[in-house]
N, C-alpha and C. Protein backbone atom coordinates (compact mmCIF):
# COMPACT_ATOMS: atom_id res chain seq x y z
N MET A 1 -14.32 11.52 -17.09
CA MET A 1 -13.58 10.82 -16.16
C MET A 1 -14.26 9.62 -15.50
N ASN A 2 -13.88 8.48 -16.31
CA ASN A 2 -14.33 6.89 -15.65
C ASN A 2 -13.30 6.20 -15.53
N LEU A 3 -13.30 6.43 -13.95
CA LEU A 3 -12.21 5.95 -13.37
C LEU A 3 -12.80 4.34 -12.54
N SER A 4 -11.99 3.47 -12.34
CA SER A 4 -12.27 2.35 -11.64
C SER A 4 -12.61 2.78 -9.63
N PRO A 5 -13.62 2.18 -9.05
CA PRO A 5 -13.69 2.29 -7.99
C PRO A 5 -12.44 2.30 -6.81
N ASP A 6 -11.62 1.54 -7.19
CA ASP A 6 -10.43 1.45 -6.28
C ASP A 6 -9.58 2.37 -6.78
N VAL A 7 -9.02 3.11 -7.91
CA VAL A 7 -8.41 4.19 -8.19
C VAL A 7 -9.12 5.57 -7.26
N VAL A 8 -10.18 5.56 -7.45
CA VAL A 8 -10.90 6.52 -6.93
C VAL A 8 -10.46 6.56 -5.49
N ALA A 9 -11.18 5.46 -4.98
CA ALA A 9 -10.67 5.23 -3.16
C ALA A 9 -9.53 5.56 -3.32
N LEU A 10 -8.27 5.50 -3.94
CA LEU A 10 -6.67 5.23 -3.24
C LEU A 10 -6.73 6.87 -3.60
N GLY A 11 -7.19 7.47 -4.87
CA GLY A 11 -6.86 8.85 -4.96
C GLY A 11 -7.66 9.69 -3.52
N HIS A 12 -8.94 9.42 -2.99
CA HIS A 12 -9.38 10.08 -2.09
C HIS A 12 -9.02 9.94 -0.79
N LEU A 13 -7.86 8.65 -0.62
CA LEU A 13 -7.25 8.48 0.57
C LEU A 13 -5.90 9.22 0.52
N LEU A 14 -5.54 9.43 -0.69
CA LEU A 14 -4.11 10.14 -0.50
C LEU A 14 -4.37 11.83 -0.96
N ALA A 15 -5.33 12.09 -1.05
CA ALA A 15 -5.48 13.72 -1.35
C ALA A 15 -5.63 14.22 0.00
N GLY A 16 -4.45 15.05 0.27
CA GLY A 16 -4.78 15.48 1.42
C GLY A 16 -3.36 16.12 2.21
N ALA A 17 -3.38 16.65 3.28
CA ALA A 17 -2.20 17.03 3.90
C ALA A 17 -1.83 15.99 5.27
N PHE A 18 -0.78 15.75 5.44
CA PHE A 18 -0.41 14.56 6.35
C PHE A 18 0.55 15.00 7.14
N GLU A 19 0.67 14.80 8.46
CA GLU A 19 1.89 15.23 9.21
C GLU A 19 2.08 13.76 10.11
N ASN A 20 3.34 13.59 10.41
CA ASN A 20 4.15 13.03 11.48
C ASN A 20 4.38 13.12 12.67
N GLY A 21 3.79 14.16 13.31
CA GLY A 21 4.20 14.87 14.59
C GLY A 21 4.04 14.00 15.65
N ASP A 22 3.41 12.99 15.88
CA ASP A 22 3.44 12.16 17.08
C ASP A 22 4.58 11.11 17.03
N GLN A 23 5.20 10.60 15.73
CA GLN A 23 6.12 9.91 15.31
C GLN A 23 7.63 10.54 15.76
N ALA A 24 7.53 12.11 15.11
CA ALA A 24 8.71 12.92 15.45
C ALA A 24 8.90 13.05 16.96
N ARG A 25 7.82 13.22 17.65
CA ARG A 25 7.92 13.42 19.22
C ARG A 25 8.71 12.38 19.87
N GLU A 26 7.95 11.22 19.55
CA GLU A 26 8.28 9.88 20.29
C GLU A 26 9.89 9.52 19.71
N GLU A 27 9.97 9.76 18.57
CA GLU A 27 11.49 9.27 18.26
C GLU A 27 12.50 10.31 17.75
N PRO A 28 12.55 11.53 18.06
CA PRO A 28 12.90 12.54 17.78
C PRO A 28 14.69 12.22 17.07
N ALA A 29 15.44 11.21 17.66
CA ALA A 29 16.52 10.71 16.84
C ALA A 29 16.27 10.46 15.30
N TRP A 30 15.48 10.09 14.99
CA TRP A 30 15.43 9.34 13.61
C TRP A 30 14.14 9.89 12.62
N TYR A 31 13.10 10.76 13.16
CA TYR A 31 12.33 11.10 12.46
C TYR A 31 12.27 12.62 13.02
N VAL A 32 12.28 13.30 11.54
CA VAL A 32 12.07 14.82 11.74
C VAL A 32 10.17 15.43 11.47
N PRO A 33 9.98 16.08 11.99
CA PRO A 33 8.32 16.76 11.70
C PRO A 33 8.18 16.84 10.93
N LEU A 34 7.57 16.34 9.84
CA LEU A 34 7.22 16.53 8.48
C LEU A 34 5.42 16.91 8.21
N ARG A 35 5.32 17.81 7.09
CA ARG A 35 4.15 18.11 6.35
C ARG A 35 4.16 17.38 4.91
N LEU A 36 3.26 16.84 4.88
CA LEU A 36 3.58 16.21 3.40
C LEU A 36 2.04 16.73 2.81
N TRP A 37 1.98 17.50 1.60
CA TRP A 37 0.95 17.67 0.91
C TRP A 37 0.88 16.84 -0.82
N GLN A 38 -0.42 16.34 -0.56
CA GLN A 38 -0.79 15.73 -1.85
C GLN A 38 -1.89 16.00 -2.85
N ARG A 39 -1.69 16.97 -3.50
CA ARG A 39 -3.00 17.85 -4.08
C ARG A 39 -3.38 17.08 -5.49
N PRO A 40 -4.73 16.80 -5.77
CA PRO A 40 -5.25 16.50 -6.90
C PRO A 40 -5.13 17.42 -7.95
N ILE A 41 -4.33 17.23 -9.20
CA ILE A 41 -4.30 18.11 -10.15
C ILE A 41 -5.05 17.28 -11.54
N PRO A 42 -5.76 17.84 -12.23
CA PRO A 42 -6.62 17.50 -13.27
C PRO A 42 -5.59 17.13 -14.95
N LEU A 43 -4.76 16.21 -14.36
CA LEU A 43 -4.11 16.14 -15.87
C LEU A 43 -4.47 14.38 -15.71
N PHE A 44 -4.44 13.90 -17.15
CA PHE A 44 -4.97 12.29 -17.22
C PHE A 44 -6.09 12.05 -16.69
N ARG A 45 -6.87 13.05 -16.69
CA ARG A 45 -8.23 12.67 -16.33
C ARG A 45 -8.92 11.40 -17.09
N GLU A 46 -8.65 11.05 -18.38
CA GLU A 46 -9.17 10.09 -18.84
C GLU A 46 -9.13 8.60 -18.23
N ASP A 47 -8.19 8.31 -17.34
CA ASP A 47 -7.81 6.96 -17.24
C ASP A 47 -7.06 7.06 -15.76
N SER A 48 -6.92 8.30 -15.20
CA SER A 48 -6.03 8.28 -13.99
C SER A 48 -6.52 9.23 -12.89
N TRP A 49 -6.05 9.28 -11.43
CA TRP A 49 -5.97 10.09 -10.79
C TRP A 49 -4.83 10.76 -10.14
N THR A 50 -4.49 12.08 -10.55
CA THR A 50 -2.93 12.39 -10.42
C THR A 50 -3.00 13.47 -9.55
N LEU A 51 -1.69 13.62 -8.41
CA LEU A 51 -1.60 14.15 -7.44
C LEU A 51 -0.17 14.94 -7.59
N TYR A 52 0.04 16.25 -7.18
CA TYR A 52 1.08 16.78 -7.03
C TYR A 52 1.64 16.50 -5.67
N LEU A 53 2.73 16.40 -5.29
CA LEU A 53 3.40 16.16 -3.91
C LEU A 53 4.79 17.06 -3.95
N GLU A 54 4.63 17.02 -2.44
CA GLU A 54 6.01 17.91 -1.90
C GLU A 54 5.78 18.23 -0.21
N GLN A 55 6.89 18.17 0.11
CA GLN A 55 7.07 18.23 1.75
C GLN A 55 7.78 19.32 2.41
N SER A 56 7.60 19.13 3.87
CA SER A 56 8.57 20.49 4.64
C SER A 56 8.83 19.99 5.75
N ASN A 57 9.59 20.42 6.45
CA ASN A 57 9.39 20.20 8.04
C ASN A 57 8.51 20.92 8.49
N LEU A 58 8.03 20.46 9.36
CA LEU A 58 6.96 21.32 10.11
C LEU A 58 7.36 22.75 10.80
N LEU A 59 8.47 22.84 10.69
CA LEU A 59 9.55 24.52 11.73
C LEU A 59 9.47 25.36 10.56
N LYS A 60 9.74 24.41 9.02
CA LYS A 60 10.03 25.20 7.83
C LYS A 60 9.07 25.23 6.79
N LEU A 61 7.57 25.42 7.14
CA LEU A 61 6.97 25.11 6.04
C LEU A 61 6.70 25.96 4.74
N ASP A 62 7.69 27.11 4.91
CA ASP A 62 7.99 28.05 3.77
C ASP A 62 8.99 27.42 3.19
N GLN A 63 9.71 26.15 3.20
CA GLN A 63 10.54 25.99 2.35
C GLN A 63 10.41 24.25 1.80
N PRO A 64 9.32 23.92 1.19
CA PRO A 64 8.87 22.77 0.84
C PRO A 64 10.18 22.34 -0.31
N TYR A 65 10.08 20.53 0.12
CA TYR A 65 11.15 20.36 -1.05
C TYR A 65 10.67 18.44 -1.51
N ARG A 66 11.17 18.23 -2.50
CA ARG A 66 11.29 16.97 -3.06
C ARG A 66 9.41 16.86 -4.12
N PRO A 67 9.67 17.96 -4.98
CA PRO A 67 8.43 18.09 -5.87
C PRO A 67 8.09 17.08 -6.58
N ARG A 68 6.98 16.42 -7.10
CA ARG A 68 6.82 15.63 -7.64
C ARG A 68 5.44 15.15 -8.04
N VAL A 69 5.26 14.27 -9.10
CA VAL A 69 3.67 14.01 -9.29
C VAL A 69 3.77 12.72 -9.59
N LEU A 70 2.39 11.94 -9.11
CA LEU A 70 2.16 10.93 -8.78
C LEU A 70 0.80 10.59 -9.63
N ARG A 71 0.82 9.56 -10.88
CA ARG A 71 -0.29 9.40 -11.59
C ARG A 71 -0.72 7.91 -11.21
N ILE A 72 -1.90 7.51 -10.75
CA ILE A 72 -2.28 6.27 -10.31
C ILE A 72 -3.54 6.08 -11.69
N THR A 73 -3.03 4.73 -11.87
CA THR A 73 -4.46 3.72 -13.05
C THR A 73 -4.52 2.40 -12.51
N GLU A 74 -5.39 2.13 -13.32
CA GLU A 74 -5.46 0.26 -13.41
C GLU A 74 -4.01 -0.41 -13.81
N HIS A 75 -3.97 -1.51 -13.26
CA HIS A 75 -2.69 -2.14 -13.67
C HIS A 75 -2.87 -2.85 -15.06
N PRO A 76 -1.77 -2.87 -15.70
CA PRO A 76 -2.17 -2.93 -17.42
C PRO A 76 -2.22 -4.86 -17.33
N SER A 77 -1.69 -5.07 -16.33
CA SER A 77 -1.54 -6.89 -16.59
C SER A 77 -1.89 -7.71 -15.30
N GLN A 78 -2.29 -6.69 -14.20
CA GLN A 78 -2.25 -7.32 -13.08
C GLN A 78 -4.30 -6.62 -12.52
N PRO A 79 -5.08 -7.42 -13.11
CA PRO A 79 -6.75 -7.06 -12.51
C PRO A 79 -6.71 -6.97 -11.28
N ASP A 80 -5.96 -7.30 -10.17
CA ASP A 80 -6.22 -7.10 -8.84
C ASP A 80 -5.43 -6.25 -8.20
N ALA A 81 -4.49 -5.58 -9.16
CA ALA A 81 -3.57 -4.22 -8.31
C ALA A 81 -3.86 -3.05 -9.69
N LEU A 82 -3.32 -1.96 -8.63
CA LEU A 82 -3.09 -0.72 -9.54
C LEU A 82 -1.75 -0.38 -9.88
N LEU A 83 -1.60 0.78 -10.69
CA LEU A 83 -0.37 1.19 -10.82
C LEU A 83 0.02 2.39 -10.24
N GLY A 84 1.02 2.92 -9.85
CA GLY A 84 1.42 4.34 -9.60
C GLY A 84 2.66 4.96 -10.02
N ARG A 85 2.49 5.78 -10.95
CA ARG A 85 3.84 6.18 -11.61
C ARG A 85 4.29 7.32 -11.39
N TYR A 86 5.59 7.68 -11.23
CA TYR A 86 5.94 9.25 -10.68
C TYR A 86 6.87 9.66 -11.72
N TYR A 87 6.52 11.24 -11.69
CA TYR A 87 7.22 12.15 -12.39
C TYR A 87 7.75 13.07 -12.04
N GLN A 88 9.01 13.41 -12.94
CA GLN A 88 9.95 15.05 -12.62
C GLN A 88 9.06 16.08 -12.75
N LEU A 89 9.27 17.28 -12.29
CA LEU A 89 9.08 18.42 -13.09
C LEU A 89 10.10 19.12 -13.92
N ARG A 90 9.95 19.46 -15.10
CA ARG A 90 10.85 20.26 -15.88
C ARG A 90 11.25 21.58 -15.16
N ASP A 91 10.53 22.34 -14.73
CA ASP A 91 10.66 23.63 -13.66
C ASP A 91 9.92 23.11 -12.73
N ALA A 92 10.66 22.71 -11.44
CA ALA A 92 10.21 22.68 -10.27
C ALA A 92 10.08 23.75 -9.68
N ALA A 93 10.81 24.98 -9.72
CA ALA A 93 10.76 25.93 -9.04
C ALA A 93 9.55 26.81 -9.21
N ALA A 94 8.74 26.69 -10.50
CA ALA A 94 7.57 27.19 -11.20
C ALA A 94 6.45 26.82 -10.22
N VAL A 95 6.48 25.89 -9.80
CA VAL A 95 5.14 25.51 -8.96
C VAL A 95 5.29 24.91 -7.32
N ARG A 96 6.93 25.13 -7.10
CA ARG A 96 7.12 24.83 -5.37
C ARG A 96 6.29 25.59 -4.59
N GLY A 97 5.69 25.01 -3.64
CA GLY A 97 4.88 25.71 -2.87
C GLY A 97 3.47 25.61 -2.99
N GLY A 98 3.05 24.31 -4.27
CA GLY A 98 2.05 24.41 -4.87
C GLY A 98 0.89 23.66 -3.77
N GLY A 99 1.72 22.72 -2.76
CA GLY A 99 1.07 22.10 -1.26
C GLY A 99 0.22 22.97 -0.99
N GLN A 100 0.77 24.18 -0.44
CA GLN A 100 -0.09 25.18 0.22
C GLN A 100 -0.58 26.22 -0.57
N ASP A 101 -0.37 26.17 -1.91
CA ASP A 101 -1.14 27.23 -2.49
C ASP A 101 -1.43 26.59 -4.02
N PRO A 102 -2.59 25.83 -4.30
CA PRO A 102 -2.75 25.09 -5.37
C PRO A 102 -2.96 25.97 -6.80
N GLU A 103 -3.16 27.61 -6.36
CA GLU A 103 -3.13 28.52 -7.53
C GLU A 103 -2.09 28.53 -8.37
N ARG A 104 -0.94 27.95 -7.66
CA ARG A 104 0.36 27.76 -8.77
C ARG A 104 0.54 26.77 -9.68
N LEU A 105 -0.71 25.53 -9.24
CA LEU A 105 -0.56 24.17 -10.07
C LEU A 105 -1.33 24.48 -11.42
N ARG A 106 -2.26 25.38 -11.22
CA ARG A 106 -3.23 25.27 -12.15
C ARG A 106 -2.66 25.68 -13.64
N SER A 107 -1.39 26.08 -13.79
CA SER A 107 -0.93 26.12 -15.23
C SER A 107 -0.69 24.73 -15.56
N LEU A 108 -0.24 24.01 -14.78
CA LEU A 108 0.67 22.80 -14.72
C LEU A 108 0.19 21.69 -15.75
N CYS A 109 0.55 21.42 -17.02
CA CYS A 109 0.26 20.35 -18.27
C CYS A 109 1.18 19.00 -18.20
N ALA A 110 0.53 18.10 -19.09
CA ALA A 110 1.55 17.19 -19.29
C ALA A 110 2.97 17.48 -19.85
N ASP A 111 2.75 18.45 -20.54
CA ASP A 111 4.52 18.76 -21.37
C ASP A 111 5.17 19.13 -20.27
N ASP A 112 4.81 19.38 -18.83
CA ASP A 112 5.92 19.75 -18.08
C ASP A 112 6.26 18.74 -17.18
N LEU A 113 5.75 17.34 -17.47
CA LEU A 113 6.25 16.42 -16.49
C LEU A 113 7.37 15.62 -17.47
N VAL A 114 8.22 14.87 -16.56
CA VAL A 114 9.57 14.08 -17.32
C VAL A 114 9.12 12.61 -16.78
N ASP A 115 8.69 11.49 -17.67
CA ASP A 115 8.21 10.33 -17.14
C ASP A 115 9.72 9.93 -16.81
N LEU A 116 9.73 8.96 -15.16
CA LEU A 116 10.89 8.35 -14.87
C LEU A 116 11.00 7.26 -14.89
N PRO A 117 12.25 6.59 -15.58
CA PRO A 117 12.35 5.10 -15.67
C PRO A 117 12.67 4.10 -14.32
N GLY A 118 11.97 3.33 -14.22
CA GLY A 118 12.27 2.78 -13.05
C GLY A 118 10.96 3.02 -11.89
N CYS A 119 10.19 4.14 -11.91
CA CYS A 119 9.92 4.90 -11.09
C CYS A 119 8.13 4.20 -11.02
N GLY A 120 7.73 3.26 -11.48
CA GLY A 120 6.57 2.52 -11.72
C GLY A 120 6.22 1.39 -10.34
N LEU A 121 5.26 1.75 -9.36
CA LEU A 121 5.11 0.86 -8.46
C LEU A 121 3.85 0.14 -8.72
N THR A 122 3.93 -1.46 -8.45
CA THR A 122 2.58 -2.10 -8.18
C THR A 122 2.10 -1.75 -6.90
N ILE A 123 0.65 -1.35 -6.71
CA ILE A 123 -0.03 -1.34 -5.45
C ILE A 123 -1.11 -2.46 -5.19
N ALA A 124 -0.96 -3.25 -4.15
CA ALA A 124 -1.84 -4.01 -3.89
C ALA A 124 -3.05 -3.72 -3.07
N ILE A 125 -3.91 -4.36 -3.53
CA ILE A 125 -5.02 -3.99 -2.74
C ILE A 125 -5.76 -5.16 -1.94
N ALA A 126 -5.80 -4.70 -0.41
CA ALA A 126 -6.36 -5.70 0.69
C ALA A 126 -7.70 -4.95 0.84
N ARG A 127 -8.52 -6.14 1.06
CA ARG A 127 -9.76 -5.79 1.57
C ARG A 127 -10.06 -5.79 3.41
N SER A 128 -10.74 -4.71 3.86
CA SER A 128 -10.72 -4.90 5.27
C SER A 128 -12.23 -3.88 5.69
N PRO A 129 -12.68 -4.09 6.77
CA PRO A 129 -14.12 -3.72 7.30
C PRO A 129 -14.17 -2.11 7.09
N GLN A 130 -13.00 -1.40 7.44
CA GLN A 130 -12.73 -0.18 7.09
C GLN A 130 -12.63 0.29 5.46
N GLY A 131 -12.29 -0.56 4.51
CA GLY A 131 -12.38 -0.43 3.35
C GLY A 131 -11.02 -0.69 2.79
N PRO A 132 -10.89 -0.60 1.62
CA PRO A 132 -9.32 -1.04 0.68
C PRO A 132 -8.27 -0.26 1.54
N TYR A 133 -7.35 -1.47 1.68
CA TYR A 133 -6.10 -0.98 2.22
C TYR A 133 -4.77 -1.25 1.25
N PHE A 134 -4.15 -0.07 0.46
CA PHE A 134 -3.07 -0.37 -0.34
C PHE A 134 -2.03 -0.15 0.25
N GLN A 135 -0.79 -1.32 -0.47
CA GLN A 135 0.70 -0.99 -0.41
C GLN A 135 1.15 -1.23 -1.89
N ALA A 136 1.78 0.05 -2.02
CA ALA A 136 2.44 0.05 -3.17
C ALA A 136 4.25 -0.01 -2.91
N SER A 137 4.90 -0.85 -3.96
CA SER A 137 6.41 -0.95 -3.77
C SER A 137 6.56 -1.23 -5.25
N LEU A 138 7.93 -1.20 -5.28
CA LEU A 138 8.75 -1.09 -6.69
C LEU A 138 9.25 -2.85 -6.48
N PRO A 139 9.48 -2.91 -7.94
CA PRO A 139 10.00 -4.68 -8.11
C PRO A 139 11.22 -4.70 -6.88
N PRO A 140 11.25 -6.07 -6.59
CA PRO A 140 12.61 -6.00 -5.59
C PRO A 140 14.02 -5.64 -6.30
N GLU A 141 14.68 -5.21 -5.32
CA GLU A 141 16.19 -4.56 -5.99
C GLU A 141 15.61 -3.33 -7.00
N GLY A 142 14.29 -2.62 -6.84
CA GLY A 142 14.07 -1.60 -7.90
C GLY A 142 14.28 -0.06 -7.57
N ARG A 143 14.89 0.61 -8.65
CA ARG A 143 15.27 1.83 -8.15
C ARG A 143 14.68 2.88 -9.09
N CYS A 144 13.93 3.73 -8.23
CA CYS A 144 13.35 5.30 -9.37
C CYS A 144 14.98 6.08 -9.55
N CYS A 145 15.25 6.00 -10.55
CA CYS A 145 16.45 6.85 -10.97
C CYS A 145 16.04 8.29 -11.77
N PHE A 146 16.89 9.47 -11.25
CA PHE A 146 16.59 10.49 -11.94
C PHE A 146 17.32 11.36 -11.78
N THR A 147 17.99 12.41 -12.60
CA THR A 147 19.09 13.58 -12.16
C THR A 147 18.56 14.82 -11.95
N VAL A 148 19.61 15.43 -10.76
CA VAL A 148 18.96 16.75 -10.16
C VAL A 148 20.27 17.41 -10.71
N GLU A 149 20.24 18.39 -11.42
CA GLU A 149 21.49 19.57 -11.76
C GLU A 149 22.68 18.70 -11.92
N GLY A 150 22.28 17.52 -13.19
CA GLY A 150 23.72 17.05 -13.52
C GLY A 150 24.00 15.61 -12.45
N SER A 151 23.61 15.46 -11.45
CA SER A 151 23.46 14.45 -10.62
C SER A 151 22.74 13.40 -10.56
N LEU A 152 22.89 12.05 -10.86
CA LEU A 152 22.16 11.05 -10.67
C LEU A 152 21.78 10.56 -8.91
N ARG A 153 20.24 10.62 -9.25
CA ARG A 153 19.91 10.27 -7.80
C ARG A 153 19.03 9.14 -7.76
N GLN A 154 19.17 8.60 -7.02
CA GLN A 154 18.29 6.97 -6.71
C GLN A 154 17.62 7.01 -5.72
N VAL A 155 16.38 6.26 -5.83
CA VAL A 155 15.35 6.38 -4.58
C VAL A 155 14.49 5.21 -4.29
N SER A 156 14.70 4.53 -3.67
CA SER A 156 13.75 3.52 -3.02
C SER A 156 12.21 3.66 -2.59
N LEU A 157 11.29 3.73 -3.63
CA LEU A 157 10.22 3.82 -3.22
C LEU A 157 9.13 3.13 -2.48
N GLY A 158 7.96 3.33 -1.82
CA GLY A 158 7.05 2.41 -1.09
C GLY A 158 6.04 3.39 -0.28
N PHE A 159 4.96 3.06 -0.12
CA PHE A 159 4.06 3.57 0.52
C PHE A 159 2.70 2.45 1.00
N GLU A 160 2.13 2.86 1.96
CA GLU A 160 0.88 2.33 2.34
C GLU A 160 -0.19 3.19 2.65
N VAL A 161 -1.02 3.10 2.43
CA VAL A 161 -2.23 4.05 2.92
C VAL A 161 -3.73 3.15 3.11
N GLY A 162 -4.19 3.70 4.43
CA GLY A 162 -5.41 2.98 4.57
C GLY A 162 -6.43 3.95 5.91
N THR A 163 -7.63 3.33 5.81
CA THR A 163 -8.73 4.05 7.31
C THR A 163 -8.32 3.10 8.52
N THR A 164 -7.95 3.65 9.14
CA THR A 164 -7.66 2.90 10.95
C THR A 164 -9.18 2.34 11.28
N ALA A 165 -8.89 1.74 12.49
CA ALA A 165 -10.23 1.47 13.24
C ALA A 165 -10.84 2.56 13.84
N GLU A 166 -10.17 3.65 13.73
CA GLU A 166 -10.75 4.69 14.72
C GLU A 166 -11.26 5.47 13.49
N GLY A 167 -11.15 5.40 12.40
CA GLY A 167 -11.66 6.15 11.48
C GLY A 167 -10.92 7.21 10.72
N SER A 168 -9.49 7.34 11.06
CA SER A 168 -8.34 8.45 10.78
C SER A 168 -7.70 7.19 9.63
N VAL A 169 -7.00 8.34 8.65
CA VAL A 169 -6.66 7.85 7.60
C VAL A 169 -5.07 7.65 7.66
N GLU A 170 -4.00 6.70 7.52
CA GLU A 170 -2.67 6.84 7.82
C GLU A 170 -2.29 6.52 6.71
N PHE A 171 -0.64 7.10 6.50
CA PHE A 171 -0.10 7.18 5.29
C PHE A 171 1.07 6.71 5.36
N LEU A 172 1.93 5.48 5.57
CA LEU A 172 3.23 5.38 5.60
C LEU A 172 4.11 5.52 4.57
N SER A 173 5.22 5.85 4.67
CA SER A 173 5.88 6.20 3.47
C SER A 173 7.48 5.22 3.92
N TYR A 174 7.68 4.43 2.87
CA TYR A 174 9.15 3.63 2.96
C TYR A 174 10.16 4.21 2.20
N ASP A 175 10.36 5.68 1.65
CA ASP A 175 10.76 6.27 0.56
C ASP A 175 12.31 6.36 1.14
N LYS A 176 13.41 6.13 0.51
CA LYS A 176 14.39 6.10 0.99
C LYS A 176 15.41 6.66 -0.17
N GLY A 177 16.54 7.37 0.13
CA GLY A 177 17.51 7.89 -0.97
C GLY A 177 18.92 6.80 -0.81
N ILE A 178 19.05 6.40 -1.95
CA ILE A 178 20.14 5.34 -1.98
C ILE A 178 21.32 6.16 -2.71
N ASP A 179 22.54 5.63 -2.26
CA ASP A 179 23.61 6.02 -2.93
C ASP A 179 24.05 5.36 -4.05
N PRO A 180 24.29 5.77 -5.45
CA PRO A 180 24.47 5.30 -6.38
C PRO A 180 25.39 4.01 -6.61
N GLU A 181 26.80 4.90 -5.64
CA GLU A 181 28.33 4.16 -5.78
C GLU A 181 28.03 2.85 -4.78
N THR A 182 27.57 2.97 -3.52
CA THR A 182 27.03 1.64 -2.86
C THR A 182 26.23 1.20 -2.44
N GLY A 183 25.01 1.39 -2.83
CA GLY A 183 23.64 0.71 -2.58
C GLY A 183 23.14 0.82 -1.52
N ARG A 184 23.95 1.95 -0.78
CA ARG A 184 23.26 2.25 1.10
C ARG A 184 22.25 2.85 0.66
N ALA A 185 21.44 3.01 1.66
CA ALA A 185 20.33 3.97 2.08
C ALA A 185 20.68 5.00 2.70
N ILE A 186 20.62 6.35 2.36
CA ILE A 186 21.53 7.22 2.94
C ILE A 186 20.43 8.40 3.82
N TRP A 187 19.32 8.42 3.20
CA TRP A 187 18.09 9.29 3.97
C TRP A 187 16.74 8.72 3.71
N GLY A 188 15.99 8.91 4.69
CA GLY A 188 14.36 8.78 4.63
C GLY A 188 14.00 7.80 5.67
N ALA A 189 13.36 6.75 5.23
CA ALA A 189 13.28 5.73 6.08
C ALA A 189 14.02 4.62 6.61
N LEU A 190 14.80 4.98 7.16
CA LEU A 190 15.86 4.21 7.66
C LEU A 190 15.64 3.25 8.76
N MET A 191 14.82 3.73 9.47
CA MET A 191 14.55 2.87 10.96
C MET A 191 13.06 2.38 10.67
N GLY A 192 12.63 2.36 9.60
CA GLY A 192 11.21 1.99 9.15
C GLY A 192 10.42 3.16 8.87
N PRO A 193 9.16 2.87 8.49
CA PRO A 193 8.32 4.29 7.79
C PRO A 193 8.09 5.07 8.27
N PHE A 194 7.79 6.32 7.37
CA PHE A 194 7.60 7.63 8.35
C PHE A 194 6.17 7.38 8.34
N ARG A 195 5.14 7.22 9.72
CA ARG A 195 3.87 7.26 9.85
C ARG A 195 3.25 8.85 10.02
N PHE A 196 2.47 9.07 8.81
CA PHE A 196 1.91 10.15 8.31
C PHE A 196 0.22 10.01 9.08
N CYS A 197 -0.35 10.71 9.74
CA CYS A 197 -1.94 11.04 9.83
C CYS A 197 -2.65 11.78 8.68
N LYS A 198 -3.58 11.90 8.25
CA LYS A 198 -3.94 12.90 7.45
C LYS A 198 -4.49 13.87 8.44
N VAL A 199 -4.33 15.14 7.98
CA VAL A 199 -4.91 16.38 9.00
C VAL A 199 -6.15 17.18 8.14
N GLU A 200 -5.95 16.95 6.79
CA GLU A 200 -6.83 17.84 5.86
C GLU A 200 -6.93 17.27 4.60
N SER A 201 -7.98 17.12 4.04
CA SER A 201 -8.63 16.47 3.13
C SER A 201 -8.59 17.42 1.93
N TYR A 202 -8.43 17.06 0.50
CA TYR A 202 -8.83 17.71 -0.39
C TYR A 202 -9.45 17.10 -1.46
N SER A 203 -10.38 17.68 -2.13
CA SER A 203 -11.36 17.19 -2.90
C SER A 203 -10.78 17.19 -4.15
N GLU A 204 -11.32 16.95 -5.36
CA GLU A 204 -10.91 16.96 -6.89
C GLU A 204 -10.69 18.21 -7.46
N PRO A 205 -9.89 18.40 -8.40
CA PRO A 205 -9.78 19.71 -8.76
C PRO A 205 -10.90 19.94 -9.78
């Protein structure tokens, strides 16, 4: 695996378990307490850092949802940026719970993934004394589209991640579910990003 330093730096920042407990306690009307798992998996290792993602309510850790895979590579046309691509799982039930139990992910292979149209994020890189800071976003008005049980789903995706002055890793999620008919946001970061703090780090698979 011969990856660029920025791909590796972003991979290390993302790899871990994150929680937004402080935010949920301060603004319980708008933010539920969540745990987000981002597990490195050994796919596309020739040019990518790849992670399995899922999340759950902190009070219901045995009920994870939103399983997906994120692949990070160098950007093909922007030398100062990276590219993040999301994939859907053909059989999400087979690996659900892999955030807590990585053994469930060992058999995961590229054929188990579905490339999603419109789900590529440009990841800008800013430099700071604490290290690189990454900001990922879709094109303006972009939507990640996929089908679940025959129903069209649309999501507006985006995140930021970096190391704070205090040395902790903060992850901001701007993901919002979009009503395909009205274009209105119906769930997710409706009042601003979910602010997660890394509570556990994961090593490369």
